[in-house]
């Protein structure tokens, strides 16, 4: 969910002439985080515990709030020269999506199907 959200933000806030470069930086950072993060996380997990890897990711995420607060304007001003719509709460957005009849009928089966554990041959679930 993070990558599409970042790409949507870049598409909304970055001027068209700079958008390709910005999206390239985002994709490059995502690839670099995988290439560097997986071996580093595996090494940390081998040294102490796999739990420390997740604590490290959480600490890094908290540290990223500082530059985000400094560089992302809270007033909704767009870099593209127009004001974006004010953000709605995630619960309101979720409710708006579920209010569409086709989505409301299709969501429970999707959640059940995607949330089930695969069974191992001969083992009870």
C-alpha atoms as a PDB file:
ATOM      1  CA  UNK A   1       0.000   0.000   0.000  1.00  0.00           C
ATOM      2  CA  UNK A   2       2.962   2.283   0.525  1.00  0.00           C
ATOM      3  CA  UNK A   3       4.245   2.345  -3.046  1.00  0.00           C
ATOM      4  CA  UNK A   4       0.936   3.294  -4.733  1.00  0.00           C
ATOM      5  CA  UNK A   5       0.365   5.923  -2.058  1.00  0.00           C
ATOM      6  CA  UNK A   6       3.770   7.469  -2.644  1.00  0.00           C
ATOM      7  CA  UNK A   7       3.291   7.397  -6.415  1.00  0.00           C
ATOM      8  CA  UNK A   8      -0.122   9.065  -6.053  1.00  0.00           C
ATOM      9  CA  UNK A   9       1.402  11.742  -3.828  1.00  0.00           C
ATOM     10  CA  UNK A  10       4.211  12.360  -6.328  1.00  0.00           C
ATOM     11  CA  UNK A  11       1.694  12.543  -9.167  1.00  0.00           C
ATOM     12  CA  UNK A  12      -0.389  15.071  -7.250  1.00  0.00           C
ATOM     13  CA  UNK A  13       2.289  17.262  -5.692  1.00  0.00           C
ATOM     14  CA  UNK A  14       5.259  17.285  -8.080  1.00  0.00           C
ATOM     15  CA  UNK A  15       5.088  19.513 -11.174  1.00  0.00           C
ATOM     16  CA  UNK A  16       4.721  17.609 -14.439  1.00  0.00           C
ATOM     17  CA  UNK A  17       8.148  18.639 -15.717  1.00  0.00           C
ATOM     18  CA  UNK A  18       9.853  17.061 -12.664  1.00  0.00           C
ATOM     19  CA  UNK A  19       7.514  14.110 -12.127  1.00  0.00           C
ATOM     20  CA  UNK A  20       9.516  11.492 -14.056  1.00  0.00           C
ATOM     21  CA  UNK A  21      12.663  12.245 -12.079  1.00  0.00           C
ATOM     22  CA  UNK A  22      10.768  12.144  -8.779  1.00  0.00           C
ATOM     23  CA  UNK A  23       9.145   8.795  -9.615  1.00  0.00           C
ATOM     24  CA  UNK A  24      12.546   7.449 -10.663  1.00  0.00           C
ATOM     25  CA  UNK A  25      13.976   8.450  -7.284  1.00  0.00           C
ATOM     26  CA  UNK A  26      11.070   6.777  -5.464  1.00  0.00           C
ATOM     27  CA  UNK A  27      11.388   3.525  -7.442  1.00  0.00           C
ATOM     28  CA  UNK A  28      15.176   3.557  -7.034  1.00  0.00           C
ATOM     29  CA  UNK A  29      14.819   4.035  -3.271  1.00  0.00           C
ATOM     30  CA  UNK A  30      12.325   1.165  -3.037  1.00  0.00           C
ATOM     31  CA  UNK A  31      14.651  -1.140  -4.972  1.00  0.00           C
ATOM     32  CA  UNK A  32      17.669  -0.053  -2.904  1.00  0.00           C
ATOM     33  CA  UNK A  33      15.754  -0.619   0.331  1.00  0.00           C
ATOM     34  CA  UNK A  34      15.038  -4.195  -0.723  1.00  0.00           C
ATOM     35  CA  UNK A  35      18.571  -4.861  -1.941  1.00  0.00           C
ATOM     36  CA  UNK A  36      20.139  -3.470   1.221  1.00  0.00           C
ATOM     37  CA  UNK A  37      17.407  -4.107   3.770  1.00  0.00           C
ATOM     38  CA  UNK A  38      16.981  -7.846   3.281  1.00  0.00           C
ATOM     39  CA  UNK A  39      20.651  -8.767   3.844  1.00  0.00           C
ATOM     40  CA  UNK A  40      20.981  -6.313   6.735  1.00  0.00           C
ATOM     41  CA  UNK A  41      17.772  -7.642   8.320  1.00  0.00           C
ATOM     42  CA  UNK A  42      18.951 -11.227   7.888  1.00  0.00           C
ATOM     43  CA  UNK A  43      22.287 -10.376   9.488  1.00  0.00           C
ATOM     44  CA  UNK A  44      20.641  -8.653  12.455  1.00  0.00           C
ATOM     45  CA  UNK A  45      18.238 -11.579  12.863  1.00  0.00           C
ATOM     46  CA  UNK A  46      21.183 -13.985  12.872  1.00  0.00           C
ATOM     47  CA  UNK A  47      23.053 -11.945  15.484  1.00  0.00           C
ATOM     48  CA  UNK A  48      20.251 -11.340  17.954  1.00  0.00           C
ATOM     49  CA  UNK A  49      16.692 -12.126  16.912  1.00  0.00           C
ATOM     50  CA  UNK A  50      14.318 -11.606  14.014  1.00  0.00           C
ATOM     51  CA  UNK A  51      12.280  -9.332  16.261  1.00  0.00           C
ATOM     52  CA  UNK A  52      15.101  -6.778  16.334  1.00  0.00           C
ATOM     53  CA  UNK A  53      14.815  -6.427  12.572  1.00  0.00           C
ATOM     54  CA  UNK A  54      11.236  -5.223  12.933  1.00  0.00           C
ATOM     55  CA  UNK A  55      12.144  -2.936  15.833  1.00  0.00           C
ATOM     56  CA  UNK A  56      14.797  -1.398  13.581  1.00  0.00           C
ATOM     57  CA  UNK A  57      12.289  -0.872  10.771  1.00  0.00           C
ATOM     58  CA  UNK A  58       9.906   0.770  13.237  1.00  0.00           C
ATOM     59  CA  UNK A  59      12.648   3.062  14.568  1.00  0.00           C
ATOM     60  CA  UNK A  60      13.653   4.031  11.022  1.00  0.00           C
ATOM     61  CA  UNK A  61      10.017   4.790  10.199  1.00  0.00           C
ATOM     62  CA  UNK A  62       9.732   7.028  13.259  1.00  0.00           C
ATOM     63  CA  UNK A  63      12.928   8.839  12.283  1.00  0.00           C
ATOM     64  CA  UNK A  64      11.504   9.438   8.799  1.00  0.00           C
ATOM     65  CA  UNK A  65       8.658  11.434  10.349  1.00  0.00           C
ATOM     66  CA  UNK A  66      11.119  14.277  10.990  1.00  0.00           C
ATOM     67  CA  UNK A  67      12.022  15.017   7.340  1.00  0.00           C
ATOM     68  CA  UNK A  68       8.440  14.293   6.272  1.00  0.00           C
ATOM     69  CA  UNK A  69       7.175  16.936   8.683  1.00  0.00           C
ATOM     70  CA  UNK A  70       9.836  19.370   7.436  1.00  0.00           C
ATOM     71  CA  UNK A  71       9.405  18.881   3.684  1.00  0.00           C
ATOM     72  CA  UNK A  72       5.757  17.965   3.120  1.00  0.00           C
ATOM     73  CA  UNK A  73       3.539  21.022   3.531  1.00  0.00           C
ATOM     74  CA  UNK A  74       0.430  20.403   5.660  1.00  0.00           C
ATOM     75  CA  UNK A  75      -1.654  23.077   3.923  1.00  0.00           C
ATOM     76  CA  UNK A  76      -2.619  20.935   0.936  1.00  0.00           C
ATOM     77  CA  UNK A  77      -0.765  23.176  -1.550  1.00  0.00           C
ATOM     78  CA  UNK A  78       0.202  21.259  -4.639  1.00  0.00           C
ATOM     79  CA  UNK A  79       3.499  21.631  -6.429  1.00  0.00           C
ATOM     80  CA  UNK A  80       1.583  21.402  -9.677  1.00  0.00           C
ATOM     81  CA  UNK A  81      -0.009  24.806  -9.146  1.00  0.00           C
ATOM     82  CA  UNK A  82      -3.449  23.842  -7.866  1.00  0.00           C
ATOM     83  CA  UNK A  83      -4.970  23.081  -4.499  1.00  0.00           C
ATOM     84  CA  UNK A  84      -5.694  19.429  -3.883  1.00  0.00           C
ATOM     85  CA  UNK A  85      -8.808  18.210  -2.148  1.00  0.00           C
ATOM     86  CA  UNK A  86      -8.505  18.100   1.632  1.00  0.00           C
ATOM     87  CA  UNK A  87      -7.665  14.650   2.926  1.00  0.00           C
ATOM     88  CA  UNK A  88     -10.550  12.631   4.300  1.00  0.00           C
ATOM     89  CA  UNK A  89     -10.168  10.184   7.127  1.00  0.00           C
ATOM     90  CA  UNK A  90      -9.165   6.644   6.125  1.00  0.00           C
ATOM     91  CA  UNK A  91     -12.323   5.244   7.711  1.00  0.00           C
ATOM     92  CA  UNK A  92     -14.477   7.627   5.683  1.00  0.00           C
ATOM     93  CA  UNK A  93     -12.606   6.633   2.503  1.00  0.00           C
ATOM     94  CA  UNK A  94     -13.045   2.942   3.345  1.00  0.00           C
ATOM     95  CA  UNK A  95     -16.755   3.510   3.973  1.00  0.00           C
ATOM     96  CA  UNK A  96     -17.110   5.339   0.651  1.00  0.00           C
ATOM     97  CA  UNK A  97     -15.541   2.399  -1.184  1.00  0.00           C
ATOM     98  CA  UNK A  98     -17.707  -0.158   0.621  1.00  0.00           C
ATOM     99  CA  UNK A  99     -20.863   1.853  -0.127  1.00  0.00           C
ATOM    100  CA  UNK A 100     -20.609   0.787  -3.779  1.00  0.00           C
ATOM    101  CA  UNK A 101     -22.838  -2.309  -4.175  1.00  0.00           C
ATOM    102  CA  UNK A 102     -20.429  -4.438  -6.227  1.00  0.00           C
ATOM    103  CA  UNK A 103     -17.552  -3.867  -3.855  1.00  0.00           C
ATOM    104  CA  UNK A 104     -19.670  -4.424  -0.750  1.00  0.00           C
ATOM    105  CA  UNK A 105     -20.814  -7.824  -2.087  1.00  0.00           C
ATOM    106  CA  UNK A 106     -17.384  -8.898  -3.299  1.00  0.00           C
ATOM    107  CA  UNK A 107     -15.266  -7.872  -0.317  1.00  0.00           C
ATOM    108  CA  UNK A 108     -16.270 -10.515   2.274  1.00  0.00           C
ATOM    109  CA  UNK A 109     -15.528 -13.467  -0.045  1.00  0.00           C
ATOM    110  CA  UNK A 110     -12.217 -11.858  -1.030  1.00  0.00           C
ATOM    111  CA  UNK A 111     -11.212 -11.380   2.605  1.00  0.00           C
ATOM    112  CA  UNK A 112     -12.187 -14.962   3.456  1.00  0.00           C
ATOM    113  CA  UNK A 113     -10.373 -16.438   0.474  1.00  0.00           C
ATOM    114  CA  UNK A 114      -7.215 -14.340   0.872  1.00  0.00           C
ATOM    115  CA  UNK A 115      -7.110 -14.681   4.641  1.00  0.00           C
ATOM    116  CA  UNK A 116      -7.285 -18.466   4.850  1.00  0.00           C
ATOM    117  CA  UNK A 117      -4.224 -20.526   5.643  1.00  0.00           C
ATOM    118  CA  UNK A 118      -3.150 -23.006   3.030  1.00  0.00           C
ATOM    119  CA  UNK A 119      -3.491 -26.559   4.307  1.00  0.00           C
ATOM    120  CA  UNK A 120      -0.574 -28.929   4.265  1.00  0.00           C
ATOM    121  CA  UNK A 121      -1.349 -32.359   2.872  1.00  0.00           C
ATOM    122  CA  UNK A 122      -2.481 -34.644   5.690  1.00  0.00           C
ATOM    123  CA  UNK A 123      -2.352 -31.927   8.356  1.00  0.00           C
ATOM    124  CA  UNK A 124      -5.470 -30.430   9.946  1.00  0.00           C
ATOM    125  CA  UNK A 125      -5.989 -26.724   9.461  1.00  0.00           C
END
